[in-house]
Protein backbone atom coordinates (compact mmCIF):
# COMPACT_ATOMS: atom_id res chain seq x y z
CA UNK A 1 17.42 -9.61 -5.07
CA UNK A 2 14.07 -8.11 -4.03
CA UNK A 3 13.51 -6.35 -0.83
CA UNK A 4 11.29 -3.90 1.14
CA UNK A 5 12.70 -0.58 2.12
CA UNK A 6 11.36 1.46 4.93
CA UNK A 7 11.48 5.26 4.63
CA UNK A 8 11.27 7.31 7.87
CA UNK A 9 10.59 10.85 6.35
CA UNK A 10 10.81 13.80 8.90
CA UNK A 11 10.52 13.64 12.64
CA UNK A 12 7.66 15.64 14.01
CA UNK A 13 6.84 15.67 17.96
CA UNK A 14 8.92 12.28 18.27
CA UNK A 15 7.06 10.30 15.56
CA UNK A 16 7.70 9.91 11.91
CA UNK A 17 4.17 10.51 10.52
CA UNK A 18 5.21 9.95 6.79
CA UNK A 19 7.07 6.82 7.44
CA UNK A 20 6.32 4.37 4.64
CA UNK A 21 7.46 1.02 3.28
CA UNK A 22 8.47 0.58 -0.61
CA UNK A 23 8.94 -2.45 -2.59
CA UNK A 24 12.27 -2.45 -4.50
CA UNK A 25 14.52 -4.60 -6.60
CA UNK A 26 18.29 -4.20 -6.19
CA UNK A 27 20.30 -5.17 -9.32
CA UNK A 28 24.05 -6.44 -9.58
CA UNK A 29 25.43 -2.70 -9.57
CA UNK A 30 23.52 -2.00 -6.27
CA UNK A 31 21.13 0.34 -7.96
CA UNK A 32 17.50 0.28 -6.45
CA UNK A 33 14.47 0.35 -8.57
CA UNK A 34 11.30 0.95 -6.97
CA UNK A 35 8.33 -1.01 -8.31
CA UNK A 36 4.63 -1.60 -7.51
CA UNK A 37 3.45 -4.64 -5.27
CA UNK A 38 2.13 -6.68 -8.38
CA UNK A 39 5.57 -6.48 -10.09
CA UNK A 40 7.45 -7.22 -6.91
CA UNK A 41 5.60 -10.48 -6.60
CA UNK A 42 6.14 -11.37 -10.22
CA UNK A 43 9.96 -10.74 -10.07
CA UNK A 44 12.03 -14.07 -10.04
CA UNK A 45 14.39 -12.54 -7.75
CA UNK A 46 14.93 -13.97 -4.13
CA UNK A 47 13.18 -12.00 -1.35
CA UNK A 48 15.61 -10.92 1.26
CA UNK A 49 13.30 -8.97 3.43
CA UNK A 50 13.48 -9.19 7.18
CA UNK A 51 10.54 -10.87 9.09
CA UNK A 52 10.24 -7.62 11.01
CA UNK A 53 9.53 -5.34 8.13
CA UNK A 54 7.00 -7.80 6.68
CA UNK A 55 5.12 -7.81 9.99
CA UNK A 56 5.21 -3.95 9.87
CA UNK A 57 3.89 -3.98 6.46
CA UNK A 58 1.04 -6.27 7.21
CA UNK A 59 0.32 -4.44 10.49
CA UNK A 60 -0.04 -1.03 8.37
CA UNK A 61 -2.28 -2.62 5.79
CA UNK A 62 -4.57 -3.94 8.42
CA UNK A 63 -5.00 -0.45 9.83
CA UNK A 64 -6.45 0.85 6.71
CA UNK A 65 -9.47 -1.49 6.59
CA UNK A 66 -12.50 -1.61 8.68
CA UNK A 67 -12.93 -3.87 11.71
CA UNK A 68 -15.08 -6.58 10.37
CA UNK A 69 -12.62 -7.05 7.38
CA UNK A 70 -9.82 -7.44 9.97
CA UNK A 71 -11.70 -10.17 11.79
CA UNK A 72 -12.31 -12.06 8.39
CA UNK A 73 -8.60 -11.66 7.63
CA UNK A 74 -7.53 -12.89 11.07
CA UNK A 75 -9.93 -15.97 10.51
CA UNK A 76 -8.21 -16.67 6.95
CA UNK A 77 -4.90 -16.58 8.74
CA UNK A 78 -5.89 -18.96 11.37
CA UNK A 79 -7.34 -21.47 9.04
CA UNK A 80 -4.68 -21.23 6.30
CA UNK A 81 -1.29 -20.21 7.71
CA UNK A 82 -0.47 -18.02 4.60
CA UNK A 83 2.94 -16.73 3.68
CA UNK A 84 3.62 -12.96 3.46
CA UNK A 85 2.65 -12.64 -0.32
CA UNK A 86 -0.79 -14.42 0.24
CA UNK A 87 -1.47 -12.28 3.15
CA UNK A 88 -1.08 -9.21 1.06
CA UNK A 89 -2.92 -10.43 -1.99
CA UNK A 90 -5.87 -11.25 0.52
CA UNK A 91 -5.61 -7.78 2.08
CA UNK A 92 -5.78 -6.45 -1.33
CA UNK A 93 -9.04 -8.26 -2.13
CA UNK A 94 -10.20 -6.36 1.06
CA UNK A 95 -9.54 -3.12 -0.51
CA UNK A 96 -6.10 -2.22 0.84
CA UNK A 97 -4.50 0.02 -1.78
CA UNK A 98 -0.52 -0.66 -2.18
CA UNK A 99 0.81 1.67 -4.73
CA UNK A 100 4.29 2.17 -6.25
CA UNK A 101 4.53 5.07 -3.59
CA UNK A 102 4.46 2.34 -0.69
CA UNK A 103 2.30 1.79 2.22
CA UNK A 104 2.29 4.26 5.06
CA UNK A 105 2.87 3.04 8.58
CA UNK A 106 0.97 5.61 10.57
């Protein structure tokens, strides 16, 4: 199964400044392999991520792009009603960097 894991990091002043989400694949022995977003999409495994974490990942990606690109992204979502993978692929087209280390929430 493939899923998205959230890592909180260390708490500082009531916040988690290093919180991030990483993409991973869990095998039959419950061993987690952290992979890049592109490898995660190509994996034939079933996605078992919660809707909450998916919304958080999209919101974190939106924070890292300029306002005019956010407007374009929102228009794209209203016109096409894309799924989670299509949204992240569109955001990568706008310049969002999703690395193997994950995507920061803050």
